[in-house]
Amino acid sequence: MIIDAAPHDPPPPIRVLLAEDQLLLRDSLKVLIDTTPGLTTVGEAGTGAEAVLLAHQQRPDVILMDVRMPDMDGIEATRRICADPAGAGIRVLILTTFDQDEYVYASLRAGASGFLIKSATATELLTAIRVVASGEALLAPTVTRRLIAEFLQRPRPAPARRDLGSITQREHEVLALIGRGMSNSEIAEHLHLTVGTVKTHISRLLAKLHARDRAQLVIAAYEGGLANPS
């Protein structure tokens, strides 16, 4: 007698908090996310302060965070959310206009995991949410690198030099390539390593540099002088 295998329960949906002060855009994002299998919204915030409060209450997987909001901007809201130990699993995806927002570097320093350009397509938005929620925590490395390069080239105080004395020479090499926006497979090919070995090096870098995710390693590469905005 053949016994059918028990069906597997579907994974829980990715829980998304929307932090956007433009009501029309927020409503559109909500409809898109709530009608996409595997995703659901768990709250809406029109200010940075509301985003911090809802993040604490709802513990979403991903927050779509606008930079420019009343009451408290998205950078400060991101800093507070990411500094809360209870919110360690929350990933912040910054909504940016790129050409106008001059706070990209600061938002990465605050703990943001990646960026979404407001002109992105619906497919790109949904992919971004899934990528960040999966723990990759860096959407489109070349986009993030371009954003950092753009704003580091503008006149402003130089970022504090980061001490990288705790990492090995191989980890230096891996970190420099992360700063250049390379994927794991590209790093593996460049250094003649397996992808698994690259992942091991990245895990060690995250631990040694007290970085939340790959986006924070990009910042470490710039602050450590291993990557140049060019």
C-alpha atoms as a PDB file:
ATOM      1  CA  MET A   1       0.000   0.000   0.000  1.00  0.00           C
ATOM      2  CA  ILE A   2       1.343   3.424  -0.971  1.00  0.00           C
ATOM      3  CA  ILE A   3       0.971   6.095   1.658  1.00  0.00           C
ATOM      4  CA  ASP A   4       1.068   9.664   0.443  1.00  0.00           C
ATOM      5  CA  ALA A   5       3.688  11.773   2.153  1.00  0.00           C
ATOM      6  CA  ALA A   6       2.292  14.340   4.506  1.00  0.00           C
ATOM      7  CA  PRO A   7       2.233  17.752   2.893  1.00  0.00           C
ATOM      8  CA  HIS A   8       4.737  20.221   4.202  1.00  0.00           C
ATOM      9  CA  ASP A   9       3.382  23.307   5.890  1.00  0.00           C
ATOM     10  CA  PRO A  10       4.222  26.431   3.889  1.00  0.00           C
ATOM     11  CA  PRO A  11       6.779  28.725   5.472  1.00  0.00           C
ATOM     12  CA  PRO A  12       5.362  31.680   7.364  1.00  0.00           C
ATOM     13  CA  PRO A  13       5.004  34.816   5.273  1.00  0.00           C
ATOM     14  CA  ILE A  14       7.634  37.524   5.345  1.00  0.00           C
ATOM     15  CA  ARG A  15       6.268  40.239   7.631  1.00  0.00           C
ATOM     16  CA  VAL A  16       6.762  43.748   6.281  1.00  0.00           C
ATOM     17  CA  LEU A  17       6.350  47.110   8.017  1.00  0.00           C
ATOM     18  CA  LEU A  18       5.795  50.132   5.770  1.00  0.00           C
ATOM     19  CA  ALA A  19       7.347  53.438   6.887  1.00  0.00           C
ATOM     20  CA  GLU A  20       6.399  56.036   4.286  1.00  0.00           C
ATOM     21  CA  ASP A  21       4.715  59.398   4.814  1.00  0.00           C
ATOM     22  CA  GLN A  22       3.114  59.604   1.356  1.00  0.00           C
ATOM     23  CA  LEU A  23      -0.245  57.919   1.835  1.00  0.00           C
ATOM     24  CA  LEU A  24      -0.823  57.090  -1.826  1.00  0.00           C
ATOM     25  CA  LEU A  25       2.546  55.353  -2.149  1.00  0.00           C
ATOM     26  CA  ARG A  26       2.056  53.561   1.164  1.00  0.00           C
ATOM     27  CA  ASP A  27      -1.367  52.294   0.087  1.00  0.00           C
ATOM     28  CA  SER A  28       0.072  51.076  -3.215  1.00  0.00           C
ATOM     29  CA  LEU A  29       2.884  49.236  -1.444  1.00  0.00           C
ATOM     30  CA  LYS A  30       0.418  47.646   0.951  1.00  0.00           C
ATOM     31  CA  VAL A  31      -1.822  46.349  -1.845  1.00  0.00           C
ATOM     32  CA  LEU A  32       1.163  44.968  -3.757  1.00  0.00           C
ATOM     33  CA  ILE A  33       2.648  43.198  -0.742  1.00  0.00           C
ATOM     34  CA  ASP A  34      -0.617  41.838   0.649  1.00  0.00           C
ATOM     35  CA  THR A  35      -1.606  40.348  -2.713  1.00  0.00           C
ATOM     36  CA  THR A  36       1.762  38.619  -3.154  1.00  0.00           C
ATOM     37  CA  PRO A  37       1.976  35.032  -1.843  1.00  0.00           C
ATOM     38  CA  GLY A  38       4.502  34.689   0.962  1.00  0.00           C
ATOM     39  CA  LEU A  39       4.417  38.347   1.972  1.00  0.00           C
ATOM     40  CA  THR A  40       2.193  40.316   4.339  1.00  0.00           C
ATOM     41  CA  THR A  41       2.189  43.774   5.872  1.00  0.00           C
ATOM     42  CA  VAL A  42       2.040  44.041   9.660  1.00  0.00           C
ATOM     43  CA  GLY A  43       1.808  47.798  10.071  1.00  0.00           C
ATOM     44  CA  GLU A  44       2.030  51.227   8.484  1.00  0.00           C
ATOM     45  CA  ALA A  45       3.935  54.236   9.782  1.00  0.00           C
ATOM     46  CA  GLY A  46       3.722  57.790   8.515  1.00  0.00           C
ATOM     47  CA  THR A  47       6.574  59.111  10.672  1.00  0.00           C
ATOM     48  CA  GLY A  48       9.903  57.840  11.917  1.00  0.00           C
ATOM     49  CA  ALA A  49       8.646  57.781  15.506  1.00  0.00           C
ATOM     50  CA  GLU A  50       5.706  55.602  14.485  1.00  0.00           C
ATOM     51  CA  ALA A  51       8.103  53.261  12.680  1.00  0.00           C
ATOM     52  CA  VAL A  52      10.205  52.819  15.826  1.00  0.00           C
ATOM     53  CA  LEU A  53       7.107  52.122  17.927  1.00  0.00           C
ATOM     54  CA  LEU A  54       5.606  49.646  15.462  1.00  0.00           C
ATOM     55  CA  ALA A  55       8.939  47.893  14.981  1.00  0.00           C
ATOM     56  CA  HIS A  56       9.087  47.321  18.733  1.00  0.00           C
ATOM     57  CA  GLN A  57       5.486  46.090  18.841  1.00  0.00           C
ATOM     58  CA  GLN A  58       5.325  43.984  15.689  1.00  0.00           C
ATOM     59  CA  ARG A  59       8.918  42.740  15.228  1.00  0.00           C
ATOM     60  CA  PRO A  60       8.647  42.631  11.412  1.00  0.00           C
ATOM     61  CA  ASP A  61      11.142  40.779   9.251  1.00  0.00           C
ATOM     62  CA  VAL A  62      11.686  43.745   6.932  1.00  0.00           C
ATOM     63  CA  ILE A  63      10.949  47.462   7.204  1.00  0.00           C
ATOM     64  CA  LEU A  64      10.605  49.537   4.051  1.00  0.00           C
ATOM     65  CA  MET A  65      11.925  52.823   5.425  1.00  0.00           C
ATOM     66  CA  ASP A  66      11.628  56.176   3.697  1.00  0.00           C
ATOM     67  CA  VAL A  67      14.432  58.621   4.512  1.00  0.00           C
ATOM     68  CA  ARG A  68      12.445  61.832   4.563  1.00  0.00           C
ATOM     69  CA  MET A  69       9.589  61.673   7.044  1.00  0.00           C
ATOM     70  CA  PRO A  70       8.147  64.126   9.555  1.00  0.00           C
ATOM     71  CA  ASP A  71       8.746  63.934  13.304  1.00  0.00           C
ATOM     72  CA  MET A  72      11.841  61.730  12.945  1.00  0.00           C
ATOM     73  CA  ASP A  73      13.688  60.937   9.734  1.00  0.00           C
ATOM     74  CA  GLY A  74      14.329  57.429   8.504  1.00  0.00           C
ATOM     75  CA  ILE A  75      17.996  57.482   9.480  1.00  0.00           C
ATOM     76  CA  GLU A  76      17.320  58.162  13.136  1.00  0.00           C
ATOM     77  CA  ALA A  77      14.466  55.659  13.115  1.00  0.00           C
ATOM     78  CA  THR A  78      16.784  53.050  11.586  1.00  0.00           C
ATOM     79  CA  ARG A  79      19.464  53.771  14.178  1.00  0.00           C
ATOM     80  CA  ARG A  80      17.040  53.304  17.053  1.00  0.00           C
ATOM     81  CA  ILE A  81      15.526  50.136  15.616  1.00  0.00           C
ATOM     82  CA  CYS A  82      18.894  48.531  14.850  1.00  0.00           C
ATOM     83  CA  ALA A  83      20.336  49.539  18.236  1.00  0.00           C
ATOM     84  CA  ASP A  84      17.563  47.672  20.060  1.00  0.00           C
ATOM     85  CA  PRO A  85      18.871  44.166  20.940  1.00  0.00           C
ATOM     86  CA  ALA A  86      15.314  42.852  20.838  1.00  0.00           C
ATOM     87  CA  GLY A  87      15.119  43.820  17.167  1.00  0.00           C
ATOM     88  CA  ALA A  88      18.220  41.925  16.065  1.00  0.00           C
ATOM     89  CA  GLY A  89      16.299  40.047  13.370  1.00  0.00           C
ATOM     90  CA  ILE A  90      14.746  43.144  11.812  1.00  0.00           C
ATOM     91  CA  ARG A  91      16.185  44.246   8.482  1.00  0.00           C
ATOM     92  CA  VAL A  92      15.723  47.794   7.221  1.00  0.00           C
ATOM     93  CA  LEU A  93      15.461  48.427   3.495  1.00  0.00           C
ATOM     94  CA  ILE A  94      15.858  52.133   2.765  1.00  0.00           C
ATOM     95  CA  LEU A  95      13.606  53.806   0.202  1.00  0.00           C
ATOM     96  CA  THR A  96      15.677  56.400  -1.614  1.00  0.00           C
ATOM     97  CA  THR A  97      15.384  58.705  -4.603  1.00  0.00           C
ATOM     98  CA  PHE A  98      19.173  58.341  -5.028  1.00  0.00           C
ATOM     99  CA  ASP A  99      19.759  61.675  -6.770  1.00  0.00           C
ATOM    100  CA  GLN A 100      18.176  63.702  -3.979  1.00  0.00           C
ATOM    101  CA  ASP A 101      18.763  61.823  -0.736  1.00  0.00           C
ATOM    102  CA  GLU A 102      22.114  62.812   0.758  1.00  0.00           C
ATOM    103  CA  TYR A 103      21.915  60.476   3.702  1.00  0.00           C
ATOM    104  CA  VAL A 104      22.803  57.121   2.213  1.00  0.00           C
ATOM    105  CA  TYR A 105      26.121  56.678   3.980  1.00  0.00           C
ATOM    106  CA  ALA A 106      24.590  57.737   7.294  1.00  0.00           C
ATOM    107  CA  SER A 107      21.735  55.260   6.899  1.00  0.00           C
ATOM    108  CA  LEU A 108      24.171  52.415   6.303  1.00  0.00           C
ATOM    109  CA  ARG A 109      26.064  53.471   9.399  1.00  0.00           C
ATOM    110  CA  ALA A 110      22.747  53.459  11.260  1.00  0.00           C
ATOM    111  CA  GLY A 111      22.237  49.789  10.391  1.00  0.00           C
ATOM    112  CA  ALA A 112      20.316  49.703   7.129  1.00  0.00           C
ATOM    113  CA  SER A 113      20.698  46.470   5.213  1.00  0.00           C
ATOM    114  CA  GLY A 114      20.213  47.793   1.707  1.00  0.00           C
ATOM    115  CA  PHE A 115      18.462  50.196  -0.606  1.00  0.00           C
ATOM    116  CA  LEU A 116      15.463  50.315  -2.869  1.00  0.00           C
ATOM    117  CA  ILE A 117      15.247  53.055  -5.466  1.00  0.00           C
ATOM    118  CA  LYS A 118      11.752  54.569  -5.530  1.00  0.00           C
ATOM    119  CA  SER A 119      11.647  54.198  -9.300  1.00  0.00           C
ATOM    120  CA  ALA A 120      12.047  50.413  -8.942  1.00  0.00           C
ATOM    121  CA  THR A 121       9.523  48.099 -10.562  1.00  0.00           C
ATOM    122  CA  ALA A 122       7.098  45.995  -8.546  1.00  0.00           C
ATOM    123  CA  THR A 123       9.148  42.899  -9.334  1.00  0.00           C
ATOM    124  CA  GLU A 124      12.341  44.562  -8.107  1.00  0.00           C
ATOM    125  CA  LEU A 125      10.614  45.647  -4.911  1.00  0.00           C
ATOM    126  CA  LEU A 126       9.333  42.163  -4.127  1.00  0.00           C
ATOM    127  CA  THR A 127      12.721  40.650  -4.912  1.00  0.00           C
ATOM    128  CA  ALA A 128      14.387  43.202  -2.642  1.00  0.00           C
ATOM    129  CA  ILE A 129      12.154  42.276   0.268  1.00  0.00           C
ATOM    130  CA  ARG A 130      12.831  38.557  -0.170  1.00  0.00           C
ATOM    131  CA  VAL A 131      16.594  39.042  -0.568  1.00  0.00           C
ATOM    132  CA  VAL A 132      16.869  41.127   2.578  1.00  0.00           C
ATOM    133  CA  ALA A 133      14.568  38.840   4.570  1.00  0.00           C
ATOM    134  CA  SER A 134      16.610  35.789   3.565  1.00  0.00           C
ATOM    135  CA  GLY A 135      19.638  37.168   5.363  1.00  0.00           C
ATOM    136  CA  GLU A 136      21.596  38.185   2.281  1.00  0.00           C
ATOM    137  CA  ALA A 137      20.867  41.685   3.574  1.00  0.00           C
ATOM    138  CA  LEU A 138      22.319  43.480   0.619  1.00  0.00           C
ATOM    139  CA  LEU A 139      20.246  44.249  -2.421  1.00  0.00           C
ATOM    140  CA  ALA A 140      22.198  44.735  -5.623  1.00  0.00           C
ATOM    141  CA  PRO A 141      25.780  45.181  -4.362  1.00  0.00           C
ATOM    142  CA  THR A 142      26.632  47.371  -7.344  1.00  0.00           C
ATOM    143  CA  VAL A 143      23.768  49.728  -6.480  1.00  0.00           C
ATOM    144  CA  THR A 144      24.893  49.995  -2.870  1.00  0.00           C
ATOM    145  CA  ARG A 145      28.499  50.542  -3.951  1.00  0.00           C
ATOM    146  CA  ARG A 146      27.423  53.240  -6.384  1.00  0.00           C
ATOM    147  CA  LEU A 147      25.380  54.963  -3.706  1.00  0.00           C
ATOM    148  CA  ILE A 148      28.243  54.951  -1.215  1.00  0.00           C
ATOM    149  CA  ALA A 149      30.704  56.133  -3.839  1.00  0.00           C
ATOM    150  CA  GLU A 150      28.409  58.983  -4.856  1.00  0.00           C
ATOM    151  CA  PHE A 151      28.045  60.356  -1.384  1.00  0.00           C
ATOM    152  CA  LEU A 152      31.582  59.733  -0.184  1.00  0.00           C
ATOM    153  CA  GLN A 153      32.816  61.903  -3.048  1.00  0.00           C
ATOM    154  CA  ARG A 154      30.780  64.879  -1.862  1.00  0.00           C
ATOM    155  CA  PRO A 155      32.457  67.387   0.468  1.00  0.00           C
ATOM    156  CA  ARG A 156      31.913  66.236   4.044  1.00  0.00           C
ATOM    157  CA  PRO A 157      34.002  65.142   7.035  1.00  0.00           C
ATOM    158  CA  ALA A 158      35.916  61.952   6.276  1.00  0.00           C
ATOM    159  CA  PRO A 159      34.565  58.836   8.003  1.00  0.00           C
ATOM    160  CA  ALA A 160      36.475  57.576  11.000  1.00  0.00           C
ATOM    161  CA  ARG A 161      39.202  55.121  10.078  1.00  0.00           C
ATOM    162  CA  ARG A 162      38.222  51.619  11.157  1.00  0.00           C
ATOM    163  CA  ASP A 163      40.755  49.330  12.830  1.00  0.00           C
ATOM    164  CA  LEU A 164      40.953  46.065  10.893  1.00  0.00           C
ATOM    165  CA  GLY A 165      43.797  44.601  12.931  1.00  0.00           C
ATOM    166  CA  SER A 166      41.724  41.644  14.095  1.00  0.00           C
ATOM    167  CA  ILE A 167      41.216  40.128  10.638  1.00  0.00           C
ATOM    168  CA  THR A 168      43.558  37.892   8.633  1.00  0.00           C
ATOM    169  CA  GLN A 169      45.161  38.720   5.301  1.00  0.00           C
ATOM    170  CA  ARG A 170      42.663  36.506   3.459  1.00  0.00           C
ATOM    171  CA  GLU A 171      39.810  38.208   5.268  1.00  0.00           C
ATOM    172  CA  HIS A 172      41.281  41.555   4.182  1.00  0.00           C
ATOM    173  CA  GLU A 173      41.105  40.351   0.590  1.00  0.00           C
ATOM    174  CA  VAL A 174      37.531  39.138   0.929  1.00  0.00           C
ATOM    175  CA  LEU A 175      36.448  42.367   2.628  1.00  0.00           C
ATOM    176  CA  ALA A 176      38.018  44.492  -0.101  1.00  0.00           C
ATOM    177  CA  LEU A 177      36.087  42.575  -2.757  1.00  0.00           C
ATOM    178  CA  ILE A 178      32.859  42.935  -0.791  1.00  0.00           C
ATOM    179  CA  GLY A 179      33.527  46.664  -0.806  1.00  0.00           C
ATOM    180  CA  ARG A 180      33.797  46.531  -4.580  1.00  0.00           C
ATOM    181  CA  GLY A 181      30.320  45.015  -4.739  1.00  0.00           C
ATOM    182  CA  MET A 182      31.295  41.471  -5.711  1.00  0.00           C
ATOM    183  CA  SER A 183      28.975  38.553  -5.013  1.00  0.00           C
ATOM    184  CA  ASN A 184      30.130  35.409  -3.198  1.00  0.00           C
ATOM    185  CA  SER A 185      30.586  33.543  -6.465  1.00  0.00           C
ATOM    186  CA  GLU A 186      32.591  36.404  -7.967  1.00  0.00           C
ATOM    187  CA  ILE A 187      34.813  36.564  -4.881  1.00  0.00           C
ATOM    188  CA  ALA A 188      35.324  32.798  -5.019  1.00  0.00           C
ATOM    189  CA  GLU A 189      36.377  32.961  -8.659  1.00  0.00           C
ATOM    190  CA  HIS A 190      38.653  35.945  -8.092  1.00  0.00           C
ATOM    191  CA  LEU A 191      40.461  34.337  -5.134  1.00  0.00           C
ATOM    192  CA  HIS A 192      40.302  30.752  -6.445  1.00  0.00           C
ATOM    193  CA  LEU A 193      38.232  29.587  -3.475  1.00  0.00           C
ATOM    194  CA  THR A 194      35.020  27.650  -3.090  1.00  0.00           C
ATOM    195  CA  VAL A 195      31.816  29.574  -2.414  1.00  0.00           C
ATOM    196  CA  GLY A 196      31.575  27.716   0.903  1.00  0.00           C
ATOM    197  CA  THR A 197      35.002  28.980   1.942  1.00  0.00           C
ATOM    198  CA  VAL A 198      34.020  32.530   1.012  1.00  0.00           C
ATOM    199  CA  LYS A 199      30.895  32.226   3.148  1.00  0.00           C
ATOM    200  CA  THR A 200      33.035  31.045   6.051  1.00  0.00           C
ATOM    201  CA  HIS A 201      35.313  34.072   5.699  1.00  0.00           C
ATOM    202  CA  ILE A 202      32.278  36.371   5.573  1.00  0.00           C
ATOM    203  CA  SER A 203      30.820  34.803   8.711  1.00  0.00           C
ATOM    204  CA  ARG A 204      34.106  35.412  10.516  1.00  0.00           C
ATOM    205  CA  LEU A 205      34.234  39.000   9.257  1.00  0.00           C
ATOM    206  CA  LEU A 206      30.718  39.634  10.533  1.00  0.00           C
ATOM    207  CA  ALA A 207      31.687  38.351  13.961  1.00  0.00           C
ATOM    208  CA  LYS A 208      35.062  40.096  14.196  1.00  0.00           C
ATOM    209  CA  LEU A 209      33.804  43.462  12.947  1.00  0.00           C
ATOM    210  CA  HIS A 210      30.531  43.295  14.880  1.00  0.00           C
ATOM    211  CA  ALA A 211      28.635  43.810  11.632  1.00  0.00           C
ATOM    212  CA  ARG A 212      24.933  43.078  11.297  1.00  0.00           C
ATOM    213  CA  ASP A 213      25.123  41.985   7.683  1.00  0.00           C
ATOM    214  CA  ARG A 214      26.913  42.343   4.382  1.00  0.00           C
ATOM    215  CA  ALA A 215      25.922  45.972   3.965  1.00  0.00           C
ATOM    216  CA  GLN A 216      27.817  46.772   7.147  1.00  0.00           C
ATOM    217  CA  LEU A 217      30.857  44.988   5.710  1.00  0.00           C
ATOM    218  CA  VAL A 218      30.744  47.366   2.744  1.00  0.00           C
ATOM    219  CA  ILE A 219      30.980  50.241   5.201  1.00  0.00           C
ATOM    220  CA  ALA A 220      33.854  48.503   7.029  1.00  0.00           C
ATOM    221  CA  ALA A 221      35.727  48.130   3.749  1.00  0.00           C
ATOM    222  CA  TYR A 222      35.439  51.868   3.056  1.00  0.00           C
ATOM    223  CA  GLU A 223      36.272  52.896   6.600  1.00  0.00           C
ATOM    224  CA  GLY A 224      39.237  50.527   6.666  1.00  0.00           C
ATOM    225  CA  GLY A 225      40.668  51.936   3.460  1.00  0.00           C
ATOM    226  CA  LEU A 226      40.170  48.691   1.528  1.00  0.00           C
ATOM    227  CA  ALA A 227      37.782  50.149  -1.036  1.00  0.00           C
ATOM    228  CA  ASN A 228      37.774  53.472  -2.807  1.00  0.00           C
ATOM    229  CA  PRO A 229      34.723  55.294  -4.162  1.00  0.00           C
ATOM    230  CA  SER A 230      35.655  55.195  -7.804  1.00  0.00           C
END
